[in-house]
Amino acid sequence: MTRVEFFNEDGRITGFRCSGHSGYAEAGADIVCAAVSTAVTFASDTITDVLGVRAKTRVNEETAEITLKLPASCEEEDAVQAILTGMMLTLSHWRDEYPDHIEVMEV
């Protein structure tokens, strides 16, 4: 199962951690894994490369885990929060469709 945790401090999403494989299908044919990977990559790349936010990103290929943590504040705060909220909503919709394969939570 893929688990996505959104870090929340006083109503501000401060980052996320995505880990695990969905197990929906074999590697290379897993549409759930592909969808989650796309959402995570889109959010991470948009925040760091397009908006230029100096977020800390860590990828662990062995454990299939990516973590992104925002700085305490950034100039593009509204845009970053919109991106992360959109990501959370999208993943929550997929969780509702594939409850045995995706878990989404705020921590």
N, C-alpha and C. Protein backbone atom coordinates (compact mmCIF):
# COMPACT_ATOMS: atom_id res chain seq x y z
N MET A 1 0.84 -1.18 0.00
CA MET A 1 0.00 0.00 0.00
C MET A 1 0.88 1.24 0.00
N THR A 2 0.44 2.25 -0.75
CA THR A 2 1.12 3.54 -0.74
C THR A 2 0.52 4.39 0.37
N ARG A 3 1.38 4.97 1.16
CA ARG A 3 0.95 5.82 2.27
C ARG A 3 1.47 7.24 2.04
N VAL A 4 0.56 8.22 2.08
CA VAL A 4 0.95 9.62 1.92
C VAL A 4 0.53 10.36 3.18
N GLU A 5 1.51 10.95 3.83
CA GLU A 5 1.27 11.74 5.04
C GLU A 5 1.54 13.20 4.72
N PHE A 6 0.58 14.06 5.03
CA PHE A 6 0.77 15.50 4.88
C PHE A 6 1.03 16.06 6.26
N PHE A 7 2.13 16.78 6.40
CA PHE A 7 2.49 17.39 7.67
C PHE A 7 1.73 18.71 7.80
N ASN A 8 1.05 18.90 8.92
CA ASN A 8 0.22 20.08 9.12
C ASN A 8 0.58 20.71 10.45
N GLU A 9 0.89 22.00 10.41
CA GLU A 9 1.18 22.75 11.63
C GLU A 9 0.30 23.99 11.64
N ASP A 10 -0.65 24.01 12.54
CA ASP A 10 -1.55 25.16 12.71
C ASP A 10 -2.25 25.54 11.41
N GLY A 11 -2.72 24.53 10.66
CA GLY A 11 -3.46 24.78 9.43
C GLY A 11 -2.60 25.00 8.20
N ARG A 12 -1.29 24.95 8.35
CA ARG A 12 -0.36 25.12 7.23
C ARG A 12 0.22 23.76 6.88
N ILE A 13 0.10 23.36 5.62
CA ILE A 13 0.75 22.14 5.17
C ILE A 13 2.23 22.45 5.04
N THR A 14 3.06 21.73 5.79
CA THR A 14 4.49 22.01 5.82
C THR A 14 5.31 21.01 5.01
N GLY A 15 4.63 20.04 4.40
CA GLY A 15 5.32 19.07 3.57
C GLY A 15 4.56 17.77 3.52
N PHE A 16 5.22 16.75 2.97
CA PHE A 16 4.59 15.44 2.86
C PHE A 16 5.64 14.34 2.80
N ARG A 17 5.19 13.13 3.08
CA ARG A 17 6.01 11.93 2.92
C ARG A 17 5.14 10.91 2.18
N CYS A 18 5.69 10.34 1.14
CA CYS A 18 5.00 9.31 0.37
C CYS A 18 5.89 8.08 0.37
N SER A 19 5.31 6.93 0.74
CA SER A 19 6.12 5.72 0.82
C SER A 19 5.32 4.49 0.42
N GLY A 20 6.04 3.48 0.00
CA GLY A 20 5.45 2.20 -0.32
C GLY A 20 4.95 2.07 -1.74
N HIS A 21 4.63 0.84 -2.09
CA HIS A 21 4.10 0.52 -3.42
C HIS A 21 2.62 0.17 -3.26
N SER A 22 1.83 0.58 -4.22
CA SER A 22 0.38 0.39 -4.09
C SER A 22 -0.03 -1.08 -4.14
N GLY A 23 0.68 -1.88 -4.92
CA GLY A 23 0.33 -3.29 -5.02
C GLY A 23 -0.91 -3.55 -5.87
N TYR A 24 -1.31 -2.56 -6.66
CA TYR A 24 -2.49 -2.72 -7.51
C TYR A 24 -2.23 -3.68 -8.66
N ALA A 25 -1.02 -3.62 -9.21
CA ALA A 25 -0.62 -4.49 -10.33
C ALA A 25 0.89 -4.65 -10.28
N GLU A 26 1.40 -5.46 -11.17
CA GLU A 26 2.84 -5.68 -11.20
C GLU A 26 3.56 -4.41 -11.65
N ALA A 27 4.81 -4.30 -11.28
CA ALA A 27 5.62 -3.13 -11.63
C ALA A 27 5.57 -2.91 -13.15
N GLY A 28 5.40 -1.66 -13.53
CA GLY A 28 5.32 -1.32 -14.94
C GLY A 28 3.89 -1.28 -15.47
N ALA A 29 2.96 -1.89 -14.74
CA ALA A 29 1.56 -1.90 -15.16
C ALA A 29 0.64 -1.37 -14.06
N ASP A 30 1.22 -0.82 -13.01
CA ASP A 30 0.44 -0.37 -11.85
C ASP A 30 -0.03 1.07 -12.05
N ILE A 31 -1.29 1.23 -12.44
CA ILE A 31 -1.82 2.56 -12.71
C ILE A 31 -1.94 3.41 -11.45
N VAL A 32 -2.17 2.77 -10.33
CA VAL A 32 -2.28 3.51 -9.07
C VAL A 32 -0.92 4.09 -8.69
N CYS A 33 0.10 3.28 -8.78
CA CYS A 33 1.46 3.74 -8.48
C CYS A 33 1.87 4.86 -9.44
N ALA A 34 1.54 4.71 -10.69
CA ALA A 34 1.88 5.73 -11.68
C ALA A 34 1.16 7.05 -11.38
N ALA A 35 -0.10 6.97 -11.01
CA ALA A 35 -0.87 8.18 -10.70
C ALA A 35 -0.30 8.90 -9.49
N VAL A 36 -0.01 8.15 -8.43
CA VAL A 36 0.55 8.75 -7.22
C VAL A 36 1.92 9.36 -7.52
N SER A 37 2.75 8.64 -8.24
CA SER A 37 4.08 9.15 -8.59
C SER A 37 3.98 10.44 -9.39
N THR A 38 3.03 10.51 -10.29
CA THR A 38 2.84 11.71 -11.09
C THR A 38 2.44 12.89 -10.22
N ALA A 39 1.49 12.70 -9.32
CA ALA A 39 1.05 13.77 -8.44
C ALA A 39 2.18 14.27 -7.55
N VAL A 40 2.95 13.34 -6.99
CA VAL A 40 4.06 13.69 -6.10
C VAL A 40 5.14 14.44 -6.87
N THR A 41 5.51 13.94 -8.04
CA THR A 41 6.55 14.58 -8.84
C THR A 41 6.11 15.96 -9.31
N PHE A 42 4.86 16.07 -9.74
CA PHE A 42 4.33 17.37 -10.18
C PHE A 42 4.42 18.39 -9.05
N ALA A 43 3.94 18.03 -7.88
CA ALA A 43 3.96 18.96 -6.74
C ALA A 43 5.38 19.34 -6.36
N SER A 44 6.24 18.36 -6.22
CA SER A 44 7.62 18.62 -5.82
C SER A 44 8.35 19.50 -6.83
N ASP A 45 8.24 19.16 -8.11
CA ASP A 45 8.92 19.93 -9.15
C ASP A 45 8.37 21.36 -9.27
N THR A 46 7.07 21.50 -9.14
CA THR A 46 6.47 22.83 -9.23
C THR A 46 6.92 23.71 -8.07
N ILE A 47 6.92 23.14 -6.88
CA ILE A 47 7.33 23.91 -5.70
C ILE A 47 8.80 24.30 -5.77
N THR A 48 9.66 23.33 -6.09
CA THR A 48 11.10 23.62 -6.04
C THR A 48 11.65 24.25 -7.32
N ASP A 49 11.26 23.74 -8.48
CA ASP A 49 11.86 24.21 -9.73
C ASP A 49 11.12 25.39 -10.37
N VAL A 50 9.80 25.40 -10.29
CA VAL A 50 9.04 26.49 -10.92
C VAL A 50 8.95 27.69 -9.97
N LEU A 51 8.55 27.45 -8.72
CA LEU A 51 8.40 28.55 -7.76
C LEU A 51 9.72 28.92 -7.09
N GLY A 52 10.69 28.02 -7.13
CA GLY A 52 12.00 28.31 -6.55
C GLY A 52 12.07 28.25 -5.03
N VAL A 53 11.13 27.53 -4.43
CA VAL A 53 11.13 27.39 -2.97
C VAL A 53 12.24 26.42 -2.57
N ARG A 54 12.98 26.78 -1.56
CA ARG A 54 14.09 25.94 -1.09
C ARG A 54 13.59 24.88 -0.11
N ALA A 55 12.75 24.00 -0.61
CA ALA A 55 12.23 22.90 0.21
C ALA A 55 13.29 21.81 0.31
N LYS A 56 13.30 21.10 1.43
CA LYS A 56 14.20 19.96 1.58
C LYS A 56 13.49 18.74 1.02
N THR A 57 14.10 18.13 0.03
CA THR A 57 13.53 16.94 -0.60
C THR A 57 14.50 15.79 -0.42
N ARG A 58 13.94 14.66 0.02
CA ARG A 58 14.77 13.46 0.22
C ARG A 58 14.08 12.30 -0.48
N VAL A 59 14.84 11.57 -1.29
CA VAL A 59 14.33 10.41 -2.00
C VAL A 59 15.13 9.19 -1.58
N ASN A 60 14.43 8.11 -1.22
CA ASN A 60 15.08 6.85 -0.87
C ASN A 60 14.52 5.77 -1.80
N GLU A 61 15.30 5.41 -2.79
CA GLU A 61 14.86 4.43 -3.79
C GLU A 61 14.62 3.05 -3.16
N GLU A 62 15.45 2.69 -2.18
CA GLU A 62 15.32 1.37 -1.56
C GLU A 62 13.98 1.17 -0.86
N THR A 63 13.51 2.21 -0.18
CA THR A 63 12.26 2.10 0.57
C THR A 63 11.08 2.72 -0.18
N ALA A 64 11.32 3.17 -1.41
CA ALA A 64 10.29 3.83 -2.22
C ALA A 64 9.65 4.96 -1.43
N GLU A 65 10.48 5.89 -0.96
CA GLU A 65 9.99 6.98 -0.13
C GLU A 65 10.51 8.32 -0.63
N ILE A 66 9.63 9.32 -0.65
CA ILE A 66 10.03 10.70 -0.94
C ILE A 66 9.43 11.58 0.14
N THR A 67 10.26 12.50 0.64
CA THR A 67 9.82 13.44 1.67
C THR A 67 10.16 14.84 1.20
N LEU A 68 9.20 15.75 1.36
CA LEU A 68 9.42 17.16 1.05
C LEU A 68 9.01 17.96 2.28
N LYS A 69 9.91 18.84 2.72
CA LYS A 69 9.62 19.70 3.87
C LYS A 69 9.88 21.14 3.46
N LEU A 70 8.89 21.99 3.70
CA LEU A 70 8.98 23.40 3.36
C LEU A 70 9.79 24.16 4.40
N PRO A 71 10.37 25.29 4.00
CA PRO A 71 10.99 26.16 5.00
C PRO A 71 9.90 26.78 5.87
N ALA A 72 10.30 27.41 6.96
CA ALA A 72 9.34 28.01 7.89
C ALA A 72 8.44 29.03 7.22
N SER A 73 8.95 29.71 6.22
CA SER A 73 8.14 30.66 5.45
C SER A 73 8.76 30.80 4.06
N CYS A 74 7.93 31.23 3.11
CA CYS A 74 8.44 31.45 1.76
C CYS A 74 7.59 32.52 1.08
N GLU A 75 8.16 33.18 0.09
CA GLU A 75 7.47 34.24 -0.62
C GLU A 75 6.26 33.73 -1.39
N GLU A 76 6.32 32.51 -1.83
CA GLU A 76 5.26 31.92 -2.66
C GLU A 76 4.29 31.07 -1.85
N GLU A 77 4.05 31.46 -0.61
CA GLU A 77 3.27 30.64 0.33
C GLU A 77 1.88 30.28 -0.21
N ASP A 78 1.16 31.24 -0.76
CA ASP A 78 -0.20 30.96 -1.25
C ASP A 78 -0.18 29.92 -2.37
N ALA A 79 0.75 30.07 -3.30
CA ALA A 79 0.85 29.12 -4.41
C ALA A 79 1.25 27.73 -3.92
N VAL A 80 2.19 27.67 -2.99
CA VAL A 80 2.63 26.39 -2.44
C VAL A 80 1.48 25.69 -1.72
N GLN A 81 0.73 26.43 -0.93
CA GLN A 81 -0.39 25.82 -0.22
C GLN A 81 -1.47 25.34 -1.19
N ALA A 82 -1.68 26.08 -2.26
CA ALA A 82 -2.66 25.65 -3.28
C ALA A 82 -2.20 24.36 -3.94
N ILE A 83 -0.94 24.25 -4.25
CA ILE A 83 -0.40 23.04 -4.88
C ILE A 83 -0.55 21.85 -3.94
N LEU A 84 -0.14 22.01 -2.70
CA LEU A 84 -0.20 20.90 -1.74
C LEU A 84 -1.63 20.51 -1.40
N THR A 85 -2.52 21.49 -1.30
CA THR A 85 -3.93 21.19 -1.04
C THR A 85 -4.53 20.45 -2.23
N GLY A 86 -4.21 20.88 -3.44
CA GLY A 86 -4.68 20.18 -4.63
C GLY A 86 -4.16 18.76 -4.69
N MET A 87 -2.90 18.57 -4.34
CA MET A 87 -2.33 17.23 -4.30
C MET A 87 -3.06 16.35 -3.29
N MET A 88 -3.32 16.91 -2.11
CA MET A 88 -4.00 16.16 -1.06
C MET A 88 -5.43 15.78 -1.51
N LEU A 89 -6.14 16.69 -2.13
CA LEU A 89 -7.49 16.41 -2.62
C LEU A 89 -7.48 15.33 -3.70
N THR A 90 -6.54 15.44 -4.63
CA THR A 90 -6.42 14.46 -5.71
C THR A 90 -6.14 13.08 -5.15
N LEU A 91 -5.17 12.98 -4.25
CA LEU A 91 -4.84 11.69 -3.67
C LEU A 91 -5.98 11.14 -2.82
N SER A 92 -6.73 12.02 -2.18
CA SER A 92 -7.88 11.58 -1.38
C SER A 92 -8.97 11.00 -2.28
N HIS A 93 -9.16 11.58 -3.45
CA HIS A 93 -10.13 11.02 -4.40
C HIS A 93 -9.69 9.62 -4.84
N TRP A 94 -8.40 9.49 -5.14
CA TRP A 94 -7.88 8.17 -5.55
C TRP A 94 -7.97 7.18 -4.41
N ARG A 95 -7.75 7.64 -3.18
CA ARG A 95 -7.89 6.77 -2.01
C ARG A 95 -9.31 6.23 -1.92
N ASP A 96 -10.28 7.08 -2.20
CA ASP A 96 -11.68 6.64 -2.16
C ASP A 96 -11.97 5.59 -3.22
N GLU A 97 -11.30 5.69 -4.37
CA GLU A 97 -11.50 4.72 -5.45
C GLU A 97 -10.67 3.44 -5.26
N TYR A 98 -9.53 3.56 -4.60
CA TYR A 98 -8.62 2.43 -4.42
C TYR A 98 -8.23 2.31 -2.94
N PRO A 99 -9.19 2.09 -2.05
CA PRO A 99 -8.90 2.12 -0.60
C PRO A 99 -7.94 1.03 -0.13
N ASP A 100 -7.77 -0.02 -0.89
CA ASP A 100 -6.83 -1.07 -0.49
C ASP A 100 -5.41 -0.78 -0.95
N HIS A 101 -5.23 0.35 -1.66
CA HIS A 101 -3.93 0.61 -2.27
C HIS A 101 -3.32 1.97 -1.91
N ILE A 102 -4.15 2.90 -1.42
CA ILE A 102 -3.66 4.24 -1.06
C ILE A 102 -4.22 4.63 0.31
N GLU A 103 -3.34 5.17 1.13
CA GLU A 103 -3.73 5.73 2.42
C GLU A 103 -3.26 7.18 2.45
N VAL A 104 -4.14 8.10 2.81
CA VAL A 104 -3.80 9.53 2.88
C VAL A 104 -4.18 10.03 4.25
N MET A 105 -3.26 10.76 4.88
CA MET A 105 -3.55 11.27 6.22
C MET A 105 -2.81 12.58 6.48
N GLU A 106 -3.35 13.34 7.42
CA GLU A 106 -2.67 14.53 7.90
C GLU A 106 -2.08 14.23 9.26
N VAL A 107 -0.83 14.60 9.45
CA VAL A 107 -0.16 14.37 10.73
C VAL A 107 0.46 15.65 11.25
